[in-house]
Amino acid sequence: MLRFPALRLAVFATVLLSGAVQAQTTHTVQQVVFTFVPADITIELGDTINFVWTSETHTVTEGLGPQPTGDEAFNAVLNVPNPLATVTFDGKFVIENSRAGHFYNYYCIPHFAQAQLGTVTVLSPWSNDGNALAGTNGEPLLYGNGPLTAGSPAELVLENALPNSLVALFISFSSTPTPFKGGVLCTIPIAVQATFPIGPTGSVTLTDTIPPGLPSGTEVFWQYGIQDAGGPFGIALSNCLRSTFP
């Protein structure tokens, strides 16, 4: 992992380090006859749910049902050969599978008519505001991990950028989406901009500890621009990531 000088902001401190925000608690949701127990669960960002089989054949399928549509965040069989389905609701998961309020409905396909349903609510301060612009490798992905509480570790992760490219991180404390290089830049007005090269993986992780004294409800908007000939005007853009401090 590369090293990069500290970029300290008024509301978020980021330093390129080797540390990572780890998954927190593992929860168990058990299939019992035609129910999930507990059916409705609220978890923290980074938590894992183990869906556990007990009898017959079931599925744990994200969505409203009654049948999959192909864009499910998770869809697994529970039966004798597959008694356990594990889903980790980390920062990458909730940004790649954005749902309003980080609220995930799920159901059992063969027992939908028997109301074998459940919900997962993920308490996450990170939201995906979209507006990615594809480059050579498709759309660059930007996501965050950590609860953003004072003293807690947090990380900002860019993936799927063009390897060995020059990137610019744009940061704003409000968002006025504005056309930019064939895409949309949501970090207008720009409060902070940092430009640096990334390596052969096409990814970069910035981490640090959240400082104390941040006003509750403070929002920060983050978006990367990547120098990439595969973009419409030689630029690719990550999705716009919004962080809300608790």
Protein backbone atom coordinates (compact mmCIF):
# COMPACT_ATOMS: atom_id res chain seq x y z
CA MET A 1 0.00 0.00 0.00
CA LEU A 2 1.26 3.44 -0.89
CA ARG A 3 2.08 6.13 1.63
CA PHE A 4 0.70 9.64 1.29
CA PRO A 5 1.12 12.76 3.44
CA ALA A 6 -1.67 13.64 5.88
CA LEU A 7 -4.69 15.41 4.41
CA ARG A 8 -6.40 16.82 7.51
CA LEU A 9 -9.82 18.32 7.01
CA ALA A 10 -12.11 20.22 9.39
CA VAL A 11 -14.50 17.28 9.61
CA PHE A 12 -12.51 14.23 8.53
CA ALA A 13 -8.83 13.31 8.78
CA THR A 14 -7.37 10.95 6.19
CA VAL A 15 -3.91 9.42 6.05
CA LEU A 16 -2.84 6.55 3.83
CA LEU A 17 -2.00 3.81 6.30
CA SER A 18 -1.98 0.03 6.42
CA GLY A 19 -4.76 -0.23 9.00
CA ALA A 20 -8.32 -1.24 8.10
CA VAL A 21 -11.74 -0.97 9.67
CA GLN A 22 -12.72 -4.46 10.70
CA ALA A 23 -16.11 -6.15 10.69
CA GLN A 24 -17.87 -5.82 14.03
CA THR A 25 -20.59 -8.21 15.25
CA THR A 26 -21.84 -11.47 13.76
CA HIS A 27 -25.60 -12.01 14.10
CA THR A 28 -27.61 -15.19 13.59
CA VAL A 29 -30.95 -15.35 11.77
CA GLN A 30 -32.39 -18.85 11.88
CA GLN A 31 -34.85 -20.41 9.45
CA VAL A 32 -37.60 -21.98 11.57
CA VAL A 33 -40.34 -23.77 9.56
CA PHE A 34 -41.72 -20.92 7.35
CA THR A 35 -40.21 -18.01 9.27
CA PHE A 36 -36.91 -16.24 9.86
CA VAL A 37 -36.02 -15.69 13.53
CA PRO A 38 -35.56 -12.84 14.16
CA ALA A 39 -37.32 -11.73 10.98
CA ASP A 40 -36.42 -8.05 11.37
CA ILE A 41 -32.96 -7.04 12.49
CA THR A 42 -31.03 -3.79 12.84
CA ILE A 43 -27.25 -3.97 12.59
CA GLU A 44 -24.21 -1.71 12.44
CA LEU A 45 -22.16 -1.09 9.32
CA GLY A 46 -19.57 -3.86 9.03
CA ASP A 47 -21.69 -6.46 10.81
CA THR A 48 -22.24 -9.95 9.41
CA ILE A 49 -25.44 -12.00 9.38
CA ASN A 50 -25.34 -15.79 9.37
CA PHE A 51 -28.59 -17.17 7.95
CA VAL A 52 -28.91 -20.68 9.37
CA TRP A 53 -30.93 -23.57 7.90
CA THR A 54 -32.92 -26.03 10.04
CA SER A 55 -35.31 -27.92 7.73
CA GLU A 56 -36.59 -28.39 4.15
CA THR A 57 -35.32 -26.19 1.30
CA HIS A 58 -35.46 -22.40 1.53
CA THR A 59 -33.77 -19.33 0.12
CA VAL A 60 -32.72 -16.04 1.62
CA THR A 61 -33.32 -13.62 -1.26
CA GLU A 62 -33.04 -9.83 -1.04
CA GLY A 63 -35.99 -7.89 -2.44
CA LEU A 64 -39.76 -7.72 -2.26
CA GLY A 65 -40.48 -10.96 -4.14
CA PRO A 66 -42.11 -13.14 -5.18
CA GLN A 67 -39.33 -13.95 -7.67
CA PRO A 68 -35.78 -12.67 -8.20
CA THR A 69 -35.24 -9.86 -10.70
CA GLY A 70 -31.49 -10.32 -11.16
CA ASP A 71 -30.30 -7.31 -9.17
CA GLU A 72 -30.53 -8.80 -5.67
CA ALA A 73 -27.91 -7.82 -3.12
CA PHE A 74 -27.93 -11.44 -1.91
CA ASN A 75 -29.69 -14.63 -2.98
CA ALA A 76 -28.68 -17.93 -1.41
CA VAL A 77 -30.14 -21.40 -0.95
CA LEU A 78 -30.60 -22.88 2.52
CA ASN A 79 -30.80 -26.69 2.53
CA VAL A 80 -28.87 -29.79 3.61
CA PRO A 81 -25.82 -29.13 1.39
CA ASN A 82 -25.98 -25.37 2.12
CA PRO A 83 -26.91 -24.95 5.80
CA LEU A 84 -25.35 -21.50 6.14
CA ALA A 85 -25.55 -18.28 4.11
CA THR A 86 -23.30 -15.44 5.26
CA VAL A 87 -23.67 -11.78 4.27
CA THR A 88 -21.37 -9.00 5.50
CA PHE A 89 -22.91 -5.54 5.33
CA ASP A 90 -19.74 -3.49 5.05
CA GLY A 91 -19.18 -0.15 3.35
CA LYS A 92 -18.60 -1.67 -0.08
CA PHE A 93 -21.76 -3.76 0.18
CA VAL A 94 -24.09 -0.87 1.09
CA ILE A 95 -22.67 1.41 -1.61
CA GLU A 96 -22.72 -1.24 -4.36
CA ASN A 97 -26.22 -2.26 -3.25
CA SER A 98 -27.73 1.11 -2.36
CA ARG A 99 -31.20 0.99 -0.82
CA ALA A 100 -33.19 3.85 0.70
CA GLY A 101 -32.34 4.12 4.38
CA HIS A 102 -29.96 1.14 4.00
CA PHE A 103 -33.10 -1.01 4.39
CA TYR A 104 -33.03 -4.50 2.85
CA ASN A 105 -36.17 -6.61 2.48
CA TYR A 106 -35.65 -10.33 1.97
CA TYR A 107 -37.80 -13.44 1.54
CA CYS A 108 -37.85 -17.17 0.82
CA ILE A 109 -38.72 -17.90 -2.83
CA PRO A 110 -40.58 -21.21 -2.34
CA HIS A 111 -42.41 -19.94 0.76
CA PHE A 112 -43.19 -16.37 -0.23
CA ALA A 113 -46.93 -17.18 -0.14
CA GLN A 114 -46.48 -18.31 3.47
CA ALA A 115 -45.06 -14.84 4.28
CA GLN A 116 -41.56 -16.09 5.02
CA LEU A 117 -40.14 -12.56 4.98
CA GLY A 118 -37.63 -10.41 6.83
CA THR A 119 -35.80 -7.10 6.85
CA VAL A 120 -32.28 -5.89 7.59
CA THR A 121 -31.64 -2.26 8.53
CA VAL A 122 -27.99 -1.20 8.38
CA LEU A 123 -27.00 1.80 10.48
CA SER A 124 -24.54 3.46 8.12
CA PRO A 125 -23.35 7.08 7.90
CA TRP A 126 -22.27 6.55 4.25
CA SER A 127 -24.60 6.96 1.26
CA ASN A 128 -24.18 6.64 -2.50
CA ASP A 129 -25.30 9.73 -4.41
CA GLY A 130 -24.43 8.15 -7.76
CA ASN A 131 -23.02 10.10 -10.75
CA ALA A 132 -20.12 7.76 -11.56
CA LEU A 133 -18.61 8.18 -15.04
CA ALA A 134 -17.10 5.06 -16.58
CA GLY A 135 -13.52 4.88 -17.80
CA THR A 136 -11.34 2.09 -19.16
CA ASN A 137 -12.34 -0.35 -16.40
CA GLY A 138 -15.95 0.71 -16.09
CA GLU A 139 -17.26 2.86 -13.24
CA PRO A 140 -14.76 3.59 -10.44
CA LEU A 141 -16.23 2.72 -7.04
CA LEU A 142 -15.89 4.90 -3.93
CA TYR A 143 -17.06 3.73 -0.52
CA GLY A 144 -16.40 4.32 3.17
CA ASN A 145 -16.15 2.22 6.31
CA GLY A 146 -16.53 3.15 9.95
CA PRO A 147 -19.27 4.71 12.12
CA LEU A 148 -17.71 8.22 11.98
CA THR A 149 -18.04 8.64 15.74
CA ALA A 150 -15.32 10.58 17.59
CA GLY A 151 -12.22 8.46 18.13
CA SER A 152 -13.32 5.70 15.75
CA PRO A 153 -11.28 4.52 12.74
CA ALA A 154 -12.63 5.35 9.30
CA GLU A 155 -11.52 4.61 5.78
CA LEU A 156 -12.22 5.96 2.32
CA VAL A 157 -11.67 3.43 -0.48
CA LEU A 158 -11.42 3.93 -4.24
CA GLU A 159 -11.52 0.83 -6.46
CA ASN A 160 -11.70 0.08 -10.17
CA ALA A 161 -9.76 3.16 -11.26
CA LEU A 162 -7.27 3.04 -14.11
CA PRO A 163 -3.99 1.57 -12.74
CA ASN A 164 -0.97 3.86 -12.52
CA SER A 165 -3.11 6.92 -13.15
CA LEU A 166 -3.31 10.38 -11.65
CA VAL A 167 -6.35 10.93 -9.44
CA ALA A 168 -7.88 13.98 -7.79
CA LEU A 169 -9.98 13.72 -4.64
CA PHE A 170 -12.63 16.45 -4.48
CA ILE A 171 -14.28 17.24 -1.14
CA SER A 172 -17.20 19.55 -0.39
CA PHE A 173 -19.41 20.43 2.57
CA SER A 174 -22.47 20.88 0.36
CA SER A 175 -23.47 19.46 -3.00
CA THR A 176 -24.55 21.26 -6.15
CA PRO A 177 -24.22 18.62 -8.90
CA THR A 178 -22.58 20.27 -11.92
CA PRO A 179 -21.78 18.93 -15.43
CA PHE A 180 -18.07 18.09 -15.72
CA LYS A 181 -16.10 16.35 -18.50
CA GLY A 182 -19.09 14.38 -19.76
CA GLY A 183 -20.26 13.47 -16.28
CA VAL A 184 -21.45 15.15 -13.10
CA LEU A 185 -19.30 16.49 -10.27
CA CYS A 186 -21.30 16.59 -7.06
CA THR A 187 -18.60 18.18 -4.87
CA ILE A 188 -19.39 21.74 -5.94
CA PRO A 189 -18.37 24.06 -4.37
CA ILE A 190 -15.03 22.28 -3.89
CA ALA A 191 -13.60 22.87 -0.41
CA VAL A 192 -10.51 20.66 -0.68
CA GLN A 193 -8.75 19.07 -3.64
CA ALA A 194 -5.81 16.65 -3.43
CA THR A 195 -4.07 15.23 -6.50
CA PHE A 196 -1.74 12.22 -6.39
CA PRO A 197 -0.77 9.10 -8.39
CA ILE A 198 -2.09 5.62 -7.65
CA GLY A 199 -0.39 2.31 -8.32
CA PRO A 200 -0.92 -0.81 -10.41
CA THR A 201 -3.99 -2.04 -8.50
CA GLY A 202 -6.12 0.94 -9.52
CA SER A 203 -7.19 1.35 -5.90
CA VAL A 204 -6.29 3.53 -2.94
CA THR A 205 -7.35 3.53 0.72
CA LEU A 206 -7.23 6.56 3.03
CA THR A 207 -7.69 5.92 6.76
CA ASP A 208 -7.45 7.76 10.05
CA THR A 209 -9.28 8.37 13.33
CA ILE A 210 -12.26 10.72 13.55
CA PRO A 211 -11.42 13.79 15.67
CA PRO A 212 -13.75 14.91 18.50
CA GLY A 213 -16.08 17.90 18.50
CA LEU A 214 -17.75 17.46 15.10
CA PRO A 215 -21.32 18.85 14.94
CA SER A 216 -23.95 16.14 14.59
CA GLY A 217 -25.48 16.07 11.14
CA THR A 218 -22.42 17.51 9.38
CA GLU A 219 -22.32 16.25 5.80
CA VAL A 220 -19.24 15.83 3.63
CA PHE A 221 -19.30 14.90 -0.06
CA TRP A 222 -16.43 12.98 -1.70
CA GLN A 223 -15.71 12.18 -5.34
CA TYR A 224 -12.63 11.15 -7.31
CA GLY A 225 -11.66 12.27 -10.79
CA ILE A 226 -9.32 9.86 -12.57
CA GLN A 227 -7.13 10.71 -15.56
CA ASP A 228 -8.30 8.05 -17.99
CA ALA A 229 -8.33 8.10 -21.79
CA GLY A 230 -11.26 5.68 -21.64
CA GLY A 231 -13.53 8.44 -20.30
CA PRO A 232 -15.54 10.69 -22.64
CA PHE A 233 -13.08 13.59 -22.24
CA GLY A 234 -10.08 11.76 -20.81
CA ILE A 235 -11.60 11.68 -17.32
CA ALA A 236 -13.46 9.03 -15.31
CA LEU A 237 -15.40 9.87 -12.14
CA SER A 238 -16.20 7.76 -9.12
CA ASN A 239 -19.66 7.78 -7.63
CA CYS A 240 -20.36 10.64 -5.23
CA LEU A 241 -20.08 9.46 -1.63
CA ARG A 242 -21.92 11.32 1.14
CA SER A 243 -20.90 10.94 4.79
CA THR A 244 -23.15 12.17 7.61
CA PHE A 245 -21.54 12.54 11.02
CA PRO A 246 -23.68 11.26 13.92
